[in-house]
């Protein structure tokens, strides 16, 4: 099972640029961004996915979404737009709950 977030980002093995942090959630700039702004929000303890919360239960969703909301508001304020995305199943490359907050670029410039 691949878990970049526990194995690399949260362990400190791969340095990350922190955007926001609480006692239970970390938001940081994606280490290989696909967009002009690409931030990842993860729970600090392992949670397999949005549909498999493991032993963390529903509380973890509220904790993660509170940080996602803060980060998305900041990105939207700075750039005028933001997208919030998560993946499950075979679309989820790293098997750790994570949410992407991105600004994809100026819609008028054809960068959607």
N, C-alpha and C. Protein backbone atom coordinates (compact mmCIF):
# COMPACT_ATOMS: atom_id res chain seq x y z
N UNK A 1 0.85 -1.18 0.00
CA UNK A 1 0.00 0.00 0.00
C UNK A 1 0.89 1.24 0.00
N UNK A 2 0.60 2.17 -0.88
CA UNK A 2 1.36 3.40 -0.99
C UNK A 2 0.73 4.49 -0.12
N UNK A 3 1.53 5.12 0.72
CA UNK A 3 1.05 6.23 1.54
C UNK A 3 2.14 7.29 1.62
N UNK A 4 2.22 8.10 0.57
CA UNK A 4 3.21 9.18 0.52
C UNK A 4 3.10 10.09 1.72
N UNK A 5 1.90 10.36 2.17
CA UNK A 5 1.68 11.34 3.22
C UNK A 5 2.29 10.88 4.55
N UNK A 6 2.03 9.64 4.97
CA UNK A 6 2.64 9.13 6.21
C UNK A 6 4.14 8.88 6.01
N UNK A 7 4.48 8.23 4.91
CA UNK A 7 5.87 7.81 4.68
C UNK A 7 6.81 8.97 4.42
N UNK A 8 6.34 10.01 3.77
CA UNK A 8 7.23 11.08 3.34
C UNK A 8 6.91 12.44 3.97
N UNK A 9 5.73 12.98 3.67
CA UNK A 9 5.40 14.36 4.07
C UNK A 9 5.26 14.51 5.59
N UNK A 10 4.49 13.64 6.21
CA UNK A 10 4.24 13.77 7.65
C UNK A 10 5.45 13.32 8.49
N UNK A 11 6.24 12.42 7.95
CA UNK A 11 7.43 11.94 8.67
C UNK A 11 8.57 12.95 8.61
N UNK A 12 8.51 13.88 7.65
CA UNK A 12 9.58 14.85 7.48
C UNK A 12 10.65 14.40 6.50
N UNK A 13 10.54 13.17 6.00
CA UNK A 13 11.52 12.66 5.04
C UNK A 13 11.55 13.51 3.78
N UNK A 14 10.36 13.93 3.32
CA UNK A 14 10.26 14.87 2.21
C UNK A 14 9.83 16.21 2.79
N UNK A 15 10.65 17.24 2.67
CA UNK A 15 10.28 18.56 3.20
C UNK A 15 9.07 19.13 2.45
N UNK A 16 8.19 19.79 3.19
CA UNK A 16 7.03 20.42 2.58
C UNK A 16 6.92 21.86 3.07
N UNK A 17 6.27 22.69 2.26
CA UNK A 17 6.00 24.07 2.64
C UNK A 17 4.60 24.12 3.25
N UNK A 18 4.54 24.36 4.54
CA UNK A 18 3.27 24.35 5.27
C UNK A 18 2.47 25.61 4.95
N UNK A 19 1.17 25.41 4.66
CA UNK A 19 0.25 26.50 4.37
C UNK A 19 -0.66 26.76 5.57
N UNK A 20 -1.08 25.69 6.24
CA UNK A 20 -1.93 25.78 7.43
C UNK A 20 -1.73 24.50 8.24
N UNK A 21 -1.94 24.62 9.55
CA UNK A 21 -1.75 23.45 10.39
C UNK A 21 -2.56 23.57 11.66
N UNK A 22 -3.16 22.45 12.07
CA UNK A 22 -3.82 22.34 13.36
C UNK A 22 -3.18 21.16 14.09
N UNK A 23 -3.68 20.83 15.24
CA UNK A 23 -3.16 19.69 15.98
C UNK A 23 -3.37 18.38 15.21
N UNK A 24 -4.38 18.33 14.33
CA UNK A 24 -4.73 17.07 13.67
C UNK A 24 -4.65 17.10 12.15
N UNK A 25 -4.42 18.26 11.55
CA UNK A 25 -4.47 18.39 10.09
C UNK A 25 -3.30 19.24 9.60
N UNK A 26 -2.75 18.85 8.45
CA UNK A 26 -1.67 19.61 7.82
C UNK A 26 -2.06 19.96 6.40
N UNK A 27 -1.84 21.22 6.01
CA UNK A 27 -2.03 21.67 4.63
C UNK A 27 -0.68 22.17 4.13
N UNK A 28 -0.28 21.72 2.94
CA UNK A 28 1.03 22.10 2.42
C UNK A 28 0.99 22.18 0.90
N UNK A 29 1.97 22.89 0.35
CA UNK A 29 2.09 22.99 -1.10
C UNK A 29 2.45 21.61 -1.66
N UNK A 30 1.76 21.21 -2.71
CA UNK A 30 2.02 19.91 -3.34
C UNK A 30 3.48 19.85 -3.76
N UNK A 31 4.10 18.71 -3.57
CA UNK A 31 5.52 18.57 -3.90
C UNK A 31 5.78 18.46 -5.40
N UNK A 32 4.74 18.10 -6.17
CA UNK A 32 4.83 18.07 -7.64
C UNK A 32 3.53 18.68 -8.18
N UNK A 33 3.40 20.00 -8.09
CA UNK A 33 2.12 20.64 -8.42
C UNK A 33 1.72 20.47 -9.89
N UNK A 34 0.42 20.30 -10.08
CA UNK A 34 -0.15 20.21 -11.42
C UNK A 34 -0.82 21.51 -11.84
N UNK A 35 -0.90 22.47 -10.93
CA UNK A 35 -1.60 23.73 -11.17
C UNK A 35 -0.76 24.88 -10.63
N UNK A 36 -1.09 26.13 -11.03
CA UNK A 36 -0.34 27.28 -10.50
C UNK A 36 -0.36 27.35 -8.97
N UNK A 37 -1.48 27.00 -8.36
CA UNK A 37 -1.57 26.85 -6.90
C UNK A 37 -2.12 25.45 -6.66
N UNK A 38 -1.39 24.66 -5.87
CA UNK A 38 -1.80 23.26 -5.63
C UNK A 38 -1.42 22.91 -4.19
N UNK A 39 -2.43 22.88 -3.33
CA UNK A 39 -2.24 22.63 -1.91
C UNK A 39 -2.94 21.32 -1.54
N UNK A 40 -2.29 20.54 -0.69
CA UNK A 40 -2.85 19.27 -0.24
C UNK A 40 -3.15 19.39 1.26
N UNK A 41 -4.33 18.90 1.65
CA UNK A 41 -4.75 18.91 3.06
C UNK A 41 -4.92 17.46 3.49
N UNK A 42 -4.23 17.07 4.58
CA UNK A 42 -4.27 15.69 5.06
C UNK A 42 -4.45 15.65 6.57
N UNK A 43 -5.11 14.59 7.07
CA UNK A 43 -5.09 14.37 8.50
C UNK A 43 -3.69 13.89 8.88
N UNK A 44 -3.22 14.25 10.07
CA UNK A 44 -1.88 13.87 10.50
C UNK A 44 -1.78 12.39 10.87
N UNK A 45 -2.87 11.81 11.29
CA UNK A 45 -2.90 10.36 11.54
C UNK A 45 -3.45 9.67 10.32
N UNK A 46 -3.03 8.43 10.09
CA UNK A 46 -3.45 7.71 8.89
C UNK A 46 -4.96 7.50 8.85
N UNK A 47 -5.55 7.89 7.74
CA UNK A 47 -6.95 7.64 7.42
C UNK A 47 -6.94 7.15 5.98
N UNK A 48 -7.43 5.95 5.69
CA UNK A 48 -7.29 5.38 4.35
C UNK A 48 -7.91 6.22 3.22
N UNK A 49 -9.15 6.69 3.37
CA UNK A 49 -9.78 7.46 2.29
C UNK A 49 -11.09 8.07 2.79
N UNK A 50 -11.70 8.85 1.94
CA UNK A 50 -12.98 9.46 2.26
C UNK A 50 -14.06 8.42 2.55
N UNK A 51 -14.00 7.28 1.87
CA UNK A 51 -15.02 6.26 2.08
C UNK A 51 -14.58 5.17 3.06
N UNK A 52 -13.33 5.23 3.52
CA UNK A 52 -12.82 4.31 4.54
C UNK A 52 -12.06 5.14 5.57
N UNK A 53 -12.76 5.55 6.60
CA UNK A 53 -12.18 6.43 7.60
C UNK A 53 -11.37 5.67 8.66
N UNK A 54 -11.27 4.38 8.51
CA UNK A 54 -10.53 3.60 9.49
C UNK A 54 -11.10 3.79 10.87
N UNK A 55 -10.24 3.90 11.87
CA UNK A 55 -10.71 4.05 13.25
C UNK A 55 -10.94 5.49 13.66
N UNK A 56 -10.76 6.43 12.74
CA UNK A 56 -10.91 7.85 13.08
C UNK A 56 -12.37 8.31 13.13
N UNK A 57 -13.25 7.63 12.42
CA UNK A 57 -14.66 7.99 12.44
C UNK A 57 -14.95 9.30 11.73
N UNK A 58 -16.16 9.74 11.86
CA UNK A 58 -16.64 10.93 11.15
C UNK A 58 -15.98 12.23 11.59
N UNK A 59 -15.46 12.29 12.80
CA UNK A 59 -14.86 13.53 13.31
C UNK A 59 -13.75 14.03 12.40
N UNK A 60 -12.99 13.11 11.82
CA UNK A 60 -11.86 13.50 10.98
C UNK A 60 -12.30 14.33 9.77
N UNK A 61 -13.46 14.03 9.23
CA UNK A 61 -13.95 14.79 8.07
C UNK A 61 -14.15 16.25 8.44
N UNK A 62 -14.74 16.50 9.58
CA UNK A 62 -14.94 17.88 10.03
C UNK A 62 -13.62 18.61 10.25
N UNK A 63 -12.65 17.91 10.83
CA UNK A 63 -11.34 18.51 11.07
C UNK A 63 -10.64 18.87 9.75
N UNK A 64 -10.67 17.93 8.81
CA UNK A 64 -10.04 18.17 7.51
C UNK A 64 -10.78 19.28 6.76
N UNK A 65 -12.09 19.23 6.74
CA UNK A 65 -12.86 20.21 5.96
C UNK A 65 -12.74 21.61 6.55
N UNK A 66 -12.55 21.74 7.84
CA UNK A 66 -12.34 23.08 8.42
C UNK A 66 -11.08 23.71 7.85
N UNK A 67 -10.01 22.91 7.71
CA UNK A 67 -8.78 23.44 7.13
C UNK A 67 -8.93 23.65 5.64
N UNK A 68 -9.61 22.74 4.95
CA UNK A 68 -9.87 22.91 3.51
C UNK A 68 -10.62 24.22 3.28
N UNK A 69 -11.62 24.48 4.11
CA UNK A 69 -12.41 25.71 3.97
C UNK A 69 -11.54 26.95 4.13
N UNK A 70 -10.66 26.94 5.13
CA UNK A 70 -9.76 28.07 5.36
C UNK A 70 -8.80 28.27 4.18
N UNK A 71 -8.21 27.19 3.71
CA UNK A 71 -7.26 27.26 2.60
C UNK A 71 -7.95 27.68 1.32
N UNK A 72 -9.12 27.10 1.03
CA UNK A 72 -9.86 27.45 -0.18
C UNK A 72 -10.28 28.92 -0.17
N UNK A 73 -10.68 29.43 0.98
CA UNK A 73 -11.06 30.84 1.08
C UNK A 73 -9.86 31.73 0.79
N UNK A 74 -8.70 31.34 1.29
CA UNK A 74 -7.48 32.11 1.05
C UNK A 74 -7.11 32.09 -0.44
N UNK A 75 -7.15 30.91 -1.06
CA UNK A 75 -6.83 30.80 -2.49
C UNK A 75 -7.83 31.59 -3.32
N UNK A 76 -9.10 31.47 -3.00
CA UNK A 76 -10.14 32.22 -3.73
C UNK A 76 -9.94 33.72 -3.56
N UNK A 77 -9.62 34.15 -2.36
CA UNK A 77 -9.38 35.57 -2.11
C UNK A 77 -8.19 36.10 -2.89
N UNK A 78 -7.14 35.30 -3.01
CA UNK A 78 -5.93 35.73 -3.71
C UNK A 78 -6.05 35.63 -5.23
N UNK A 79 -6.84 34.65 -5.73
CA UNK A 79 -6.86 34.37 -7.17
C UNK A 79 -8.24 34.47 -7.81
N UNK A 80 -9.29 34.61 -7.01
CA UNK A 80 -10.63 34.76 -7.55
C UNK A 80 -11.35 33.44 -7.79
N UNK A 81 -10.68 32.31 -7.58
CA UNK A 81 -11.30 31.00 -7.79
C UNK A 81 -10.48 29.93 -7.08
N UNK A 82 -11.14 28.81 -6.80
CA UNK A 82 -10.45 27.65 -6.24
C UNK A 82 -11.30 26.42 -6.54
N UNK A 83 -10.64 25.28 -6.68
CA UNK A 83 -11.32 24.00 -6.80
C UNK A 83 -10.89 23.13 -5.63
N UNK A 84 -11.82 22.29 -5.16
CA UNK A 84 -11.55 21.37 -4.06
C UNK A 84 -11.87 19.98 -4.58
N UNK A 85 -10.87 19.07 -4.51
CA UNK A 85 -11.01 17.75 -5.12
C UNK A 85 -10.43 16.68 -4.19
N UNK A 86 -11.11 15.53 -4.13
CA UNK A 86 -10.52 14.35 -3.51
C UNK A 86 -10.83 13.16 -4.41
N UNK A 87 -10.06 12.10 -4.27
CA UNK A 87 -10.24 10.90 -5.07
C UNK A 87 -10.42 9.69 -4.16
N UNK A 88 -11.07 8.66 -4.68
CA UNK A 88 -11.23 7.40 -3.95
C UNK A 88 -10.98 6.25 -4.91
N UNK A 89 -10.84 5.07 -4.35
CA UNK A 89 -10.63 3.87 -5.18
C UNK A 89 -9.35 3.95 -5.99
N UNK A 90 -9.40 3.45 -7.20
CA UNK A 90 -8.20 3.39 -8.03
C UNK A 90 -7.74 4.78 -8.48
N UNK A 91 -8.57 5.81 -8.33
CA UNK A 91 -8.15 7.18 -8.64
C UNK A 91 -7.25 7.75 -7.54
N UNK A 92 -7.25 7.14 -6.38
CA UNK A 92 -6.49 7.63 -5.24
C UNK A 92 -5.11 6.98 -5.23
N UNK A 93 -4.11 7.70 -5.72
CA UNK A 93 -2.77 7.13 -5.83
C UNK A 93 -2.14 6.86 -4.46
N UNK A 94 -2.24 7.79 -3.53
CA UNK A 94 -1.71 7.59 -2.19
C UNK A 94 -2.88 7.23 -1.29
N UNK A 95 -2.79 6.10 -0.63
CA UNK A 95 -3.91 5.58 0.16
C UNK A 95 -3.96 6.22 1.54
N UNK A 96 -4.14 7.52 1.54
CA UNK A 96 -4.27 8.33 2.76
C UNK A 96 -5.23 9.45 2.38
N UNK A 97 -6.27 9.66 3.17
CA UNK A 97 -7.23 10.71 2.88
C UNK A 97 -6.50 12.02 2.61
N UNK A 98 -6.76 12.61 1.46
CA UNK A 98 -6.17 13.91 1.14
C UNK A 98 -7.11 14.67 0.23
N UNK A 99 -7.09 15.98 0.39
CA UNK A 99 -7.94 16.87 -0.40
C UNK A 99 -7.03 17.89 -1.07
N UNK A 100 -7.23 18.08 -2.38
CA UNK A 100 -6.47 19.06 -3.13
C UNK A 100 -7.27 20.36 -3.20
N UNK A 101 -6.63 21.46 -2.90
CA UNK A 101 -7.19 22.79 -3.09
C UNK A 101 -6.33 23.44 -4.15
N UNK A 102 -6.94 23.76 -5.29
CA UNK A 102 -6.15 24.24 -6.42
C UNK A 102 -6.75 25.50 -7.04
N UNK A 103 -5.87 26.28 -7.62
CA UNK A 103 -6.26 27.34 -8.54
C UNK A 103 -5.67 26.91 -9.87
N UNK A 104 -6.55 26.69 -10.86
CA UNK A 104 -6.12 26.12 -12.13
C UNK A 104 -5.64 27.14 -13.13
N UNK A 105 -5.74 28.41 -12.81
CA UNK A 105 -5.32 29.45 -13.74
C UNK A 105 -6.51 30.27 -14.20
N UNK A 106 -6.24 31.29 -14.94
CA UNK A 106 -7.26 32.21 -15.44
C UNK A 106 -8.17 31.49 -16.44
N UNK A 107 -9.47 31.36 -16.14
CA UNK A 107 -10.39 30.68 -17.06
C UNK A 107 -10.43 31.35 -18.44
N UNK A 108 -10.19 32.65 -18.47
CA UNK A 108 -10.20 33.36 -19.74
C UNK A 108 -8.99 33.06 -20.60
N UNK A 109 -7.97 32.43 -20.01
CA UNK A 109 -6.74 32.14 -20.75
C UNK A 109 -6.74 30.71 -21.28
N UNK A 110 -7.85 29.98 -21.11
CA UNK A 110 -7.96 28.64 -21.66
C UNK A 110 -7.15 27.60 -20.89
N UNK A 111 -6.87 27.85 -19.61
CA UNK A 111 -6.06 26.92 -18.82
C UNK A 111 -6.91 26.04 -17.92
N UNK A 112 -8.17 25.84 -18.24
CA UNK A 112 -8.99 24.98 -17.39
C UNK A 112 -8.53 23.57 -17.56
